[in-house]
Amino acid sequence: MAKPDVITVAAMKELFTEFQDKIKDDFQIWLASDEEGNQFSPMLENPELSFAIDSENRRIILYPSGL
């Protein structure tokens, strides 16, 4: 089984552009992870698995993968 693609800066920029009508400049960026930084996980390129917009709380949430 092939590993999923990890998101690149170019893909992240494209993702933000795609959702620019839903994302405002004052939104915060939140990362789902532990506080100690014991492990590093990639963000997958598929936004359905790695990206959420929480308009109510004005934040973008990034979900790293446990590949």
Protein backbone atom coordinates (compact mmCIF):
# COMPACT_ATOMS: atom_id res chain seq x y z
CA MET A 1 0.00 0.00 0.00
CA ALA A 2 1.41 3.39 -1.00
CA LYS A 3 1.75 6.10 1.60
CA PRO A 4 -0.46 9.17 1.08
CA ASP A 5 1.17 12.35 -0.17
CA VAL A 6 2.33 14.89 2.39
CA ILE A 7 1.20 18.46 1.78
CA THR A 8 3.69 20.93 0.33
CA VAL A 9 3.85 24.70 0.79
CA ALA A 10 2.49 25.15 -2.74
CA ALA A 11 -0.47 22.87 -1.97
CA MET A 12 -1.12 24.69 1.32
CA LYS A 13 -1.15 28.05 -0.49
CA GLU A 14 -3.56 26.64 -3.04
CA LEU A 15 -5.79 25.31 -0.27
CA PHE A 16 -5.90 28.72 1.43
CA THR A 17 -6.68 30.36 -1.92
CA GLU A 18 -9.46 27.86 -2.57
CA PHE A 19 -11.12 28.75 0.75
CA GLN A 20 -10.26 32.46 0.80
CA ASP A 21 -13.95 33.41 0.90
CA LYS A 22 -14.36 31.42 4.15
CA ILE A 23 -11.06 32.33 5.82
CA LYS A 24 -10.55 35.80 7.28
CA ASP A 25 -7.26 37.50 8.18
CA ASP A 26 -7.99 37.35 11.92
CA PHE A 27 -8.54 33.56 12.00
CA GLN A 28 -6.18 31.68 14.29
CA ILE A 29 -4.25 28.57 13.24
CA TRP A 30 -4.69 25.59 15.57
CA LEU A 31 -2.74 22.35 15.39
CA ALA A 32 -4.06 19.07 16.76
CA SER A 33 -1.06 17.55 18.59
CA ASP A 34 0.51 16.97 21.98
CA GLU A 35 2.11 19.89 23.85
CA GLU A 36 5.50 18.27 24.39
CA GLY A 37 6.45 17.81 20.75
CA ASN A 38 7.59 14.25 21.37
CA GLN A 39 6.57 13.15 17.90
CA PHE A 40 6.38 14.82 14.53
CA SER A 41 3.68 13.86 12.06
CA PRO A 42 3.08 14.98 8.49
CA MET A 43 -0.01 16.77 7.25
CA LEU A 44 -1.53 14.84 4.38
CA GLU A 45 -2.22 16.59 1.09
CA ASN A 46 -5.87 15.49 1.16
CA PRO A 47 -7.65 18.39 2.93
CA GLU A 48 -10.50 16.11 4.03
CA LEU A 49 -7.98 14.38 6.30
CA SER A 50 -5.86 17.31 7.40
CA PHE A 51 -7.73 20.64 7.33
CA ALA A 52 -10.86 22.14 8.88
CA ILE A 53 -12.35 25.62 9.01
CA ASP A 54 -14.14 26.53 12.25
CA SER A 55 -15.88 29.76 11.26
CA GLU A 56 -17.79 30.06 14.52
CA ASN A 57 -14.58 30.21 16.56
CA ARG A 58 -12.61 31.92 13.76
CA ARG A 59 -9.88 29.35 13.39
CA ILE A 60 -8.27 26.92 10.99
CA ILE A 61 -7.46 23.52 12.43
CA LEU A 62 -4.66 21.37 11.01
CA TYR A 63 -4.69 17.63 11.69
CA PRO A 64 -1.35 15.84 11.34
CA SER A 65 -1.41 12.20 10.30
CA GLY A 66 -0.11 9.27 12.29
CA LEU A 67 1.47 7.55 9.27
